[in-house]
Amino acid sequence: MRLLPSSLLWRTLAVMVAALVLSQAAAAWLMNRYVTQPRHEARVGQFVSHLKTISAALNTMQPQAQQRFIDAIAEKEGIRIVAVRGNDTMRPAEGIVPLRLFRQRLREIFGPEAEVYVRRGERDRHGPPPVLWIRLPGATHDFWVAFPRGRIDRDPVTALLAWSAVGLAIAIGATFFLVYRLNRPLAELARAAVKLGKGGDPEPVSETGPSEIRAVARAFNQMKDDLQESQRERATFLAGVSHDLRTPLSRLRLEVEMLDGKVAADAQRGMVEDLDDMNAIIDQFIDFMRSESAEPLAPVGLAELARSCAERAIRGGAQVRCELTEIAPMMLRPLAMQRLVDNLLANAARHAGGPIEIRTSRAPGTAVLAVLDRGPGIPAAQVERLKQPFTRKDDARSGSSGAGLGLAIADRVARLHGGTLELLPREGGGLEARLTLPG
């Protein structure tokens, strides 16, 4: 099971979020240890000292002065002071962790019996009470002192959550921006590589982005130029060889045909067939060096194309039967597709002999053209190798003519159109060459 996501975006985001969480956890611990806790201790100490001052003032004042003092404290500081009565419903504020320091300091000043109270029933079920009470001894009677909980206990959770949310949003935004800057040239490079792999001629990749991405784009552009130069040199070489062979082959054929009566008829027929094989090999060279990607796209009816190729093969002596399903015109390269189907039919006629079937069919999202024969077939382990140029497997398919370019040309045309060429065993024996096109 894969734990990490596969895309660069989500991997980078996961790393950034993990780093942010760890850094914020460390920052929160350091902030609490060296900033928040010392400030909290100082605030609690100041407030307890203030309560000591209030207690001392109440113990030294006359009743009239006490009331004026109590009113002034309530107005200025929000601290209520009331006399203790026998029916007060107070209970100790037990289990409230943030009050431990306050309780400790309170007992240091007012003795071990000092306690923090809450009014019984006040927000027992809805979180901590907002008001805390302490009992101060007086000269004539004790006093309850009520003060807001925030004077000694400020909950940092809200601030911490806000801080974390803002940091996380910034990290996500930065990650998307960073990965977008990386992904855009990489996506362009991937599209160009796919197009080049299918035999196309992509535009040069933009050399933008970080230096490493620019270096990769520059290397790809140089590789594309080198491959195209190599292909041009190969095409020039093949064109020159093919051109130079045409004239002597034509002269030889003419001389052989003029040998009537001078050599045995079977020998003369064999020489003519050998010359025809040589011409077929030259034709394959010429087809292979063509660049199908330069041909513009045009609407092509797959069934009509298959019928036309079958009729041409029949005129050449092949036995071809058509089972064609009409398919709506597709945007294809007509001459390249014609070479593909012609090569598949020629391979079937040359290596299998006997009747050949050509079929077209439609499936959801795909169109299929298949050429089927009853020859010896191709072993599955040899299929991909036989799609390579200048590769033959005479012991898998009878016959020895050809340069081993027919399947290479057909496979290249199929990939150029975004399709696949499969060489499958036919039910009952033989081979099915199946072309599957998107659309």
Protein backbone atom coordinates (compact mmCIF):
# COMPACT_ATOMS: atom_id res chain seq x y z
CA MET A 1 0.00 0.00 0.00
CA ARG A 2 1.39 3.40 -1.00
CA LEU A 3 1.62 5.80 1.95
CA LEU A 4 2.84 8.89 0.10
CA PRO A 5 0.85 10.47 -2.75
CA SER A 6 2.39 10.12 -6.20
CA SER A 7 2.13 13.70 -7.48
CA LEU A 8 4.77 16.33 -6.78
CA LEU A 9 2.10 18.76 -5.57
CA TRP A 10 0.70 16.54 -2.82
CA ARG A 11 4.09 15.23 -1.75
CA THR A 12 5.41 18.77 -1.40
CA LEU A 13 2.26 19.83 0.41
CA ALA A 14 2.53 16.89 2.84
CA VAL A 15 6.15 17.74 3.62
CA MET A 16 5.35 21.44 4.05
CA VAL A 17 2.39 20.76 6.35
CA ALA A 18 4.38 18.25 8.43
CA ALA A 19 7.25 20.72 8.76
CA LEU A 20 4.83 23.50 9.68
CA VAL A 21 3.11 21.38 12.34
CA LEU A 22 6.44 20.38 13.89
CA SER A 23 7.76 23.95 13.79
CA GLN A 24 4.58 25.35 15.34
CA ALA A 25 4.62 22.67 18.03
CA ALA A 26 8.22 23.59 18.87
CA ALA A 27 7.39 27.31 18.75
CA ALA A 28 4.37 26.82 21.01
CA TRP A 29 6.44 24.90 23.56
CA LEU A 30 9.20 27.52 23.53
CA MET A 31 6.66 30.35 23.73
CA ASN A 32 4.93 28.73 26.68
CA ARG A 33 8.20 27.86 28.42
CA TYR A 34 10.00 31.17 28.09
CA VAL A 35 7.27 33.79 27.45
CA THR A 36 3.74 32.76 28.37
CA GLN A 37 4.48 30.97 31.63
CA PRO A 38 6.73 33.72 33.09
CA ARG A 39 4.17 36.36 32.14
CA HIS A 40 1.39 34.31 33.67
CA GLU A 41 3.34 33.90 36.89
CA ALA A 42 4.03 37.64 37.02
CA ARG A 43 0.35 38.46 36.36
CA VAL A 44 -0.85 36.06 39.05
CA GLY A 45 1.70 37.41 41.53
CA GLN A 46 0.61 40.99 40.89
CA PHE A 47 -3.06 40.13 41.29
CA VAL A 48 -2.49 38.23 44.55
CA SER A 49 -0.50 41.20 45.87
CA HIS A 50 -3.42 43.43 44.86
CA LEU A 51 -5.82 41.18 46.78
CA LYS A 52 -3.52 41.44 49.81
CA THR A 53 -3.71 45.21 49.54
CA ILE A 54 -7.53 45.07 49.31
CA SER A 55 -7.66 42.79 52.36
CA ALA A 56 -5.42 45.11 54.37
CA ALA A 57 -7.52 48.12 53.38
CA LEU A 58 -10.79 46.44 54.39
CA ASN A 59 -9.33 45.50 57.80
CA THR A 60 -8.35 49.08 58.61
CA MET A 61 -11.39 50.99 57.34
CA GLN A 62 -14.56 52.02 59.13
CA PRO A 63 -17.83 50.60 57.70
CA GLN A 64 -18.67 53.83 55.80
CA ALA A 65 -15.19 53.99 54.28
CA GLN A 66 -15.37 50.28 53.44
CA GLN A 67 -18.51 50.79 51.36
CA ARG A 68 -16.99 53.71 49.44
CA PHE A 69 -13.87 51.63 48.85
CA ILE A 70 -15.91 48.63 47.67
CA ASP A 71 -17.90 50.82 45.24
CA ALA A 72 -14.73 52.36 43.86
CA ILE A 73 -13.08 48.95 43.31
CA ALA A 74 -16.18 47.65 41.54
CA GLU A 75 -16.37 50.70 39.24
CA LYS A 76 -12.69 50.91 38.32
CA GLU A 77 -11.56 47.26 38.26
CA GLY A 78 -14.71 45.18 37.94
CA ILE A 79 -14.03 43.43 41.26
CA ARG A 80 -17.11 42.84 43.43
CA ILE A 81 -16.78 42.66 47.22
CA VAL A 82 -19.70 41.44 49.32
CA ALA A 83 -20.00 40.42 52.93
CA VAL A 84 -20.12 36.70 53.68
CA ARG A 85 -23.60 35.45 54.64
CA GLY A 86 -24.55 32.12 56.00
CA ASN A 87 -26.59 31.04 52.98
CA ASP A 88 -23.87 31.51 50.35
CA THR A 89 -23.76 28.58 47.90
CA MET A 90 -20.09 28.29 47.08
CA ARG A 91 -17.95 25.28 46.30
CA PRO A 92 -14.17 24.95 45.76
CA ALA A 93 -13.04 25.27 42.15
CA GLU A 94 -11.50 21.82 42.08
CA GLY A 95 -9.82 20.22 39.06
CA ILE A 96 -9.26 23.49 37.19
CA VAL A 97 -5.62 23.07 36.13
CA PRO A 98 -4.81 26.70 35.16
CA LEU A 99 -5.71 27.82 38.73
CA ARG A 100 -3.02 25.78 40.47
CA LEU A 101 -0.46 28.59 40.38
CA PHE A 102 -3.03 31.13 41.59
CA ARG A 103 -4.14 28.86 44.45
CA GLN A 104 -0.51 28.26 45.41
CA ARG A 105 0.30 31.99 45.56
CA LEU A 106 -2.96 32.69 47.37
CA ARG A 107 -2.09 30.24 50.14
CA GLU A 108 1.41 31.69 50.42
CA ILE A 109 -0.16 35.08 51.28
CA PHE A 110 -3.40 34.20 53.13
CA GLY A 111 -2.49 30.87 54.68
CA PRO A 112 -3.05 27.19 53.85
CA GLU A 113 -6.82 27.44 54.24
CA ALA A 114 -7.20 29.93 51.37
CA GLU A 115 -9.21 28.55 48.48
CA VAL A 116 -10.67 29.54 45.13
CA TYR A 117 -14.45 29.13 44.87
CA VAL A 118 -17.14 29.14 42.23
CA ARG A 119 -20.83 29.71 42.75
CA ARG A 120 -22.61 26.38 42.86
CA GLY A 121 -24.50 25.62 39.63
CA GLU A 122 -22.84 28.44 37.67
CA ARG A 123 -22.06 26.98 34.17
CA ASP A 124 -21.32 23.54 35.58
CA ARG A 125 -22.33 21.89 32.30
CA HIS A 126 -21.14 24.49 29.80
CA GLY A 127 -17.42 24.90 30.51
CA PRO A 128 -15.47 26.74 33.19
CA PRO A 129 -17.27 29.50 35.14
CA PRO A 130 -16.47 33.07 34.03
CA VAL A 131 -16.30 34.41 37.64
CA LEU A 132 -14.08 33.20 40.47
CA TRP A 133 -14.50 33.90 44.21
CA ILE A 134 -12.10 34.04 47.13
CA ARG A 135 -12.83 34.60 50.80
CA LEU A 136 -10.92 37.39 52.57
CA PRO A 137 -10.92 37.69 56.36
CA GLY A 138 -12.02 41.06 57.76
CA ALA A 139 -11.84 42.77 61.18
CA THR A 140 -15.54 42.29 61.93
CA HIS A 141 -16.63 39.79 59.25
CA ASP A 142 -15.29 38.05 56.12
CA PHE A 143 -15.77 39.22 52.53
CA TRP A 144 -16.35 37.47 49.25
CA VAL A 145 -14.25 38.91 46.43
CA ALA A 146 -15.54 38.11 42.92
CA PHE A 147 -13.40 38.83 39.86
CA PRO A 148 -13.42 37.80 36.19
CA ARG A 149 -11.59 34.59 35.44
CA GLY A 150 -9.56 36.39 32.77
CA ARG A 151 -7.65 38.30 35.44
CA ILE A 152 -5.60 35.17 36.15
CA ASP A 153 -6.42 32.65 33.41
CA ARG A 154 -6.39 33.58 29.74
CA ASP A 155 -7.12 30.66 27.43
CA PRO A 156 -4.50 30.64 24.60
CA VAL A 157 -6.30 27.96 22.56
CA THR A 158 -8.18 30.40 20.32
CA ALA A 159 -5.04 32.37 19.53
CA LEU A 160 -3.09 29.17 18.93
CA LEU A 161 -5.75 27.81 16.57
CA ALA A 162 -5.87 31.09 14.65
CA TRP A 163 -2.08 31.14 14.45
CA SER A 164 -2.01 27.54 13.17
CA ALA A 165 -4.79 28.14 10.62
CA VAL A 166 -3.08 31.23 9.21
CA GLY A 167 0.28 29.44 9.06
CA LEU A 168 -1.30 26.42 7.36
CA ALA A 169 -3.05 28.63 4.80
CA ILE A 170 0.22 30.41 4.02
CA ALA A 171 2.05 27.08 3.69
CA ILE A 172 -0.61 25.67 1.33
CA GLY A 173 -0.61 28.83 -0.78
CA ALA A 174 3.17 28.88 -0.97
CA THR A 175 3.23 25.17 -1.88
CA PHE A 176 0.71 25.58 -4.69
CA PHE A 177 2.62 28.57 -6.06
CA LEU A 178 5.97 26.78 -5.86
CA VAL A 179 4.71 23.53 -7.42
CA TYR A 180 2.79 25.43 -10.11
CA ARG A 181 6.03 27.12 -11.13
CA LEU A 182 7.67 23.69 -11.27
CA ASN A 183 4.79 21.74 -12.82
CA ARG A 184 4.09 24.10 -15.71
CA PRO A 185 7.46 23.56 -17.49
CA LEU A 186 7.48 19.88 -16.47
CA ALA A 187 4.01 19.36 -17.96
CA GLU A 188 5.11 21.07 -21.17
CA LEU A 189 8.18 18.86 -21.24
CA ALA A 190 6.06 15.73 -20.70
CA ARG A 191 3.69 16.67 -23.55
CA ALA A 192 6.61 17.32 -25.88
CA ALA A 193 8.25 14.00 -24.91
CA VAL A 194 5.03 12.08 -25.60
CA LYS A 195 4.62 13.77 -28.97
CA LEU A 196 8.27 13.09 -29.87
CA GLY A 197 7.90 9.46 -28.79
CA LYS A 198 4.93 9.08 -31.15
CA GLY A 199 7.01 10.30 -34.07
CA GLY A 200 5.78 13.88 -34.02
CA ASP A 201 7.76 17.10 -34.19
CA PRO A 202 6.99 19.10 -31.03
CA GLU A 203 7.81 22.75 -30.61
CA PRO A 204 10.94 23.52 -28.56
CA VAL A 205 10.23 23.44 -24.83
CA SER A 206 10.34 26.82 -23.08
CA GLU A 207 13.52 27.11 -21.04
CA THR A 208 11.93 28.83 -18.03
CA GLY A 209 11.71 28.20 -14.29
CA PRO A 210 14.45 27.23 -11.83
CA SER A 211 17.95 26.55 -13.15
CA GLU A 212 17.52 22.77 -12.83
CA ILE A 213 14.30 22.84 -14.86
CA ARG A 214 15.93 25.08 -17.46
CA ALA A 215 18.81 22.62 -17.73
CA VAL A 216 16.41 19.70 -18.31
CA ALA A 217 14.45 21.68 -20.94
CA ARG A 218 17.69 22.70 -22.67
CA ALA A 219 18.89 19.08 -22.72
CA PHE A 220 15.53 17.92 -24.13
CA ASN A 221 15.61 20.52 -26.90
CA GLN A 222 19.16 19.49 -27.78
CA MET A 223 18.17 15.82 -27.76
CA LYS A 224 15.22 16.55 -30.07
CA ASP A 225 17.46 18.43 -32.49
CA ASP A 226 20.03 15.60 -32.45
CA LEU A 227 17.34 12.97 -33.08
CA GLN A 228 15.88 14.96 -35.95
CA GLU A 229 19.33 15.46 -37.46
CA SER A 230 20.00 11.73 -37.14
CA GLN A 231 16.66 10.97 -38.75
CA ARG A 232 17.36 13.36 -41.60
CA GLU A 233 20.75 11.75 -42.20
CA ARG A 234 19.20 8.29 -42.16
CA ALA A 235 16.44 9.38 -44.53
CA THR A 236 19.00 10.92 -46.89
CA PHE A 237 21.05 7.74 -46.80
CA LEU A 238 18.05 5.49 -47.46
CA ALA A 239 16.77 7.79 -50.18
CA GLY A 240 20.16 7.76 -51.87
CA VAL A 241 20.50 3.99 -51.68
CA SER A 242 16.94 3.46 -52.92
CA HIS A 243 17.41 5.87 -55.79
CA ASP A 244 20.72 4.34 -56.82
CA LEU A 245 19.25 0.82 -56.78
CA ARG A 246 16.17 1.65 -58.86
CA THR A 247 18.01 2.08 -62.17
CA PRO A 248 20.11 -1.12 -62.12
CA LEU A 249 17.11 -3.13 -60.88
CA SER A 250 14.95 -1.81 -63.72
CA ARG A 251 17.72 -2.66 -66.21
CA LEU A 252 18.10 -6.15 -64.74
CA ARG A 253 14.37 -6.79 -64.97
CA LEU A 254 14.33 -5.71 -68.60
CA GLU A 255 17.28 -8.00 -69.38
CA VAL A 256 15.68 -10.92 -67.55
CA GLU A 257 12.42 -10.49 -69.47
CA MET A 258 14.44 -10.54 -72.72
CA LEU A 259 15.84 -13.98 -71.85
CA ASP A 260 12.79 -15.81 -73.18
CA GLY A 261 13.95 -19.09 -74.68
CA LYS A 262 17.55 -18.66 -73.51
CA VAL A 263 17.01 -19.92 -69.92
CA ALA A 264 14.56 -22.25 -68.31
CA ALA A 265 11.16 -20.70 -67.67
CA ASP A 266 11.27 -21.57 -63.97
CA ALA A 267 14.67 -19.89 -63.56
CA GLN A 268 13.45 -16.81 -65.41
CA ARG A 269 10.34 -16.68 -63.23
CA GLY A 270 12.46 -16.97 -60.06
CA MET A 271 14.72 -14.11 -61.15
CA VAL A 272 11.69 -11.89 -61.82
CA GLU A 273 10.28 -12.70 -58.38
CA ASP A 274 13.63 -11.87 -56.75
CA LEU A 275 13.70 -8.53 -58.53
CA ASP A 276 10.12 -7.87 -57.38
CA ASP A 277 11.20 -8.62 -53.79
CA MET A 278 14.07 -6.16 -54.13
CA ASN A 279 11.67 -3.49 -55.40
CA ALA A 280 9.33 -4.22 -52.49
CA ILE A 281 12.21 -3.74 -50.03
CA ILE A 282 13.08 -0.42 -51.65
CA ASP A 283 9.42 0.62 -51.36
CA GLN A 284 9.54 -0.20 -47.65
CA PHE A 285 12.68 1.92 -47.26
CA ILE A 286 10.93 4.84 -48.91
CA ASP A 287 7.82 4.40 -46.75
CA PHE A 288 9.88 4.14 -43.58
CA MET A 289 11.82 7.35 -44.20
CA ARG A 290 8.65 9.38 -44.74
CA SER A 291 7.56 11.68 -41.89
CA GLU A 292 3.85 10.98 -41.38
CA SER A 293 3.57 13.80 -38.82
CA ALA A 294 3.93 16.38 -41.61
CA GLU A 295 0.71 15.16 -43.24
CA PRO A 296 -2.32 17.26 -42.18
CA LEU A 297 -5.31 15.68 -40.45
CA ALA A 298 -8.48 15.13 -42.47
CA PRO A 299 -11.84 13.35 -41.98
CA VAL A 300 -11.40 9.67 -42.82
CA GLY A 301 -14.02 6.93 -42.82
CA LEU A 302 -12.28 3.88 -41.37
CA ALA A 303 -14.57 1.38 -43.11
CA GLU A 304 -14.16 3.12 -46.46
CA LEU A 305 -10.38 3.16 -46.02
CA ALA A 306 -10.35 -0.55 -45.16
CA ARG A 307 -12.54 -1.37 -48.20
CA SER A 308 -10.23 0.59 -50.52
CA CYS A 309 -7.11 -1.14 -49.20
CA ALA A 310 -8.79 -4.55 -49.44
CA GLU A 311 -9.71 -3.95 -53.10
CA ARG A 312 -6.13 -2.95 -53.86
CA ALA A 313 -4.84 -6.13 -52.17
CA ILE A 314 -7.34 -8.26 -54.13
CA ARG A 315 -6.08 -6.77 -57.38
CA GLY A 316 -2.59 -7.87 -56.29
CA GLY A 317 -3.75 -11.47 -55.91
CA ALA A 318 -4.66 -11.65 -52.19
CA GLN A 319 -7.86 -13.30 -50.92
CA VAL A 320 -9.48 -10.66 -48.72
CA ARG A 321 -12.96 -10.76 -47.18
CA CYS A 322 -14.45 -7.64 -45.56
CA GLU A 323 -16.65 -7.45 -42.44
CA LEU A 324 -16.97 -3.70 -42.06
CA THR A 325 -19.06 -1.69 -39.65
CA GLU A 326 -19.60 1.88 -40.79
CA ILE A 327 -17.88 4.36 -38.47
CA ALA A 328 -18.31 8.12 -38.46
CA PRO A 329 -15.38 9.97 -40.07
CA MET A 330 -12.38 10.49 -37.77
CA MET A 331 -9.61 13.09 -37.97
CA LEU A 332 -6.68 11.02 -39.28
CA ARG A 333 -3.74 11.30 -41.69
CA PRO A 334 -5.15 9.56 -44.79
CA LEU A 335 -1.94 8.49 -46.55
CA ALA A 336 -0.29 7.33 -43.32
CA MET A 337 -3.36 5.25 -42.41
CA GLN A 338 -3.43 3.80 -45.91
CA ARG A 339 0.21 2.70 -45.55
CA LEU A 340 -0.63 1.13 -42.18
CA VAL A 341 -3.50 -0.97 -43.55
CA ASP A 342 -1.60 -1.85 -46.74
CA ASN A 343 1.35 -3.10 -44.67
CA LEU A 344 -0.89 -5.24 -42.46
CA LEU A 345 -2.59 -6.77 -45.50
CA ALA A 346 0.74 -7.30 -47.28
CA ASN A 347 2.21 -9.01 -44.21
CA ALA A 348 -0.80 -11.30 -43.94
CA ALA A 349 -0.67 -12.17 -47.65
CA ARG A 350 3.11 -12.71 -47.67
CA HIS A 351 3.54 -14.70 -44.46
CA ALA A 352 0.21 -16.49 -43.98
CA GLY A 353 -1.25 -17.01 -47.43
CA GLY A 354 -4.82 -18.18 -47.79
CA PRO A 355 -7.92 -16.11 -46.98
CA ILE A 356 -7.57 -12.84 -45.06
CA GLU A 357 -10.29 -10.97 -43.20
CA ILE A 358 -10.42 -7.27 -42.50
CA ARG A 359 -12.90 -5.96 -39.93
CA THR A 360 -13.93 -2.64 -38.47
CA SER A 361 -15.94 -2.22 -35.29
CA ARG A 362 -16.94 0.41 -32.78
CA ALA A 363 -16.58 0.29 -28.97
CA PRO A 364 -17.26 2.97 -26.34
CA GLY A 365 -14.60 5.62 -26.88
CA THR A 366 -12.62 3.60 -29.46
CA ALA A 367 -12.64 2.47 -33.08
CA VAL A 368 -11.04 -0.85 -34.07
CA LEU A 369 -9.63 -2.12 -37.36
CA ALA A 370 -8.39 -5.72 -37.46
CA VAL A 371 -6.63 -7.82 -40.10
CA LEU A 372 -6.92 -11.58 -39.45
CA ASP A 373 -5.22 -14.54 -41.11
CA ARG A 374 -4.76 -18.27 -40.57
CA GLY A 375 -0.97 -18.37 -40.66
CA PRO A 376 1.37 -19.82 -38.00
CA GLY A 377 1.05 -16.70 -35.84
CA ILE A 378 3.67 -14.91 -33.74
CA PRO A 379 4.85 -16.04 -30.27
CA ALA A 380 3.81 -13.55 -27.60
CA ALA A 381 7.42 -13.12 -26.48
CA GLN A 382 8.39 -11.92 -29.98
CA VAL A 383 5.60 -9.40 -30.55
CA GLU A 384 7.31 -6.22 -29.30
CA ARG A 385 10.63 -7.14 -30.91
CA LEU A 386 8.99 -7.60 -34.31
CA LYS A 387 7.62 -4.05 -34.13
CA GLN A 388 11.18 -2.74 -34.21
CA PRO A 389 12.67 -1.63 -37.56
CA PHE A 390 14.66 -4.14 -39.64
CA THR A 391 13.47 -7.07 -37.51
CA ARG A 392 12.17 -10.34 -38.94
CA LYS A 393 11.34 -13.73 -37.47
CA ASP A 394 11.24 -16.07 -40.41
CA ASP A 395 10.73 -19.17 -38.29
CA ALA A 396 7.60 -17.62 -36.77
CA ARG A 397 6.08 -16.56 -40.09
CA SER A 398 6.74 -18.43 -43.30
CA GLY A 399 8.62 -16.66 -46.07
CA SER A 400 11.76 -14.55 -46.04
CA SER A 401 11.07 -11.50 -48.18
CA GLY A 402 10.88 -7.94 -46.93
CA ALA A 403 13.23 -5.75 -44.91
CA GLY A 404 11.38 -6.04 -41.60
CA LEU A 405 9.87 -2.55 -41.80
CA GLY A 406 6.16 -3.24 -42.36
CA LEU A 407 5.16 -3.69 -38.72
CA ALA A 408 7.51 -0.88 -37.61
CA ILE A 409 5.79 1.53 -40.01
CA ALA A 410 2.32 0.37 -38.92
CA ASP A 411 3.19 0.70 -35.22
CA ARG A 412 4.66 4.17 -35.74
CA VAL A 413 1.54 5.37 -37.57
CA ALA A 414 -0.69 3.91 -34.84
CA ARG A 415 1.22 5.71 -32.06
CA LEU A 416 1.23 8.94 -34.07
CA HIS A 417 -2.59 8.85 -33.97
CA GLY A 418 -2.68 8.05 -30.24
CA GLY A 419 -3.63 4.44 -30.90
CA THR A 420 -2.12 1.01 -30.33
CA LEU A 421 -1.22 -1.88 -32.64
CA GLU A 422 -1.57 -5.31 -31.06
CA LEU A 423 -0.52 -8.63 -32.56
CA LEU A 424 -2.79 -11.20 -30.93
CA PRO A 425 -3.33 -14.94 -31.42
CA ARG A 426 -6.52 -15.55 -33.38
CA GLU A 427 -9.08 -17.94 -32.04
CA GLY A 428 -8.75 -21.18 -34.01
CA GLY A 429 -5.19 -20.40 -35.10
CA GLY A 430 -3.56 -17.56 -36.92
CA LEU A 431 -2.86 -13.91 -36.14
CA GLU A 432 -5.02 -10.87 -35.49
CA ALA A 433 -3.35 -7.50 -36.09
CA ARG A 434 -5.65 -5.14 -34.19
CA LEU A 435 -5.46 -1.35 -34.50
CA THR A 436 -7.30 0.54 -31.74
CA LEU A 437 -7.83 4.29 -32.16
CA PRO A 438 -9.29 6.72 -29.62
CA GLY A 439 -12.57 8.37 -30.50
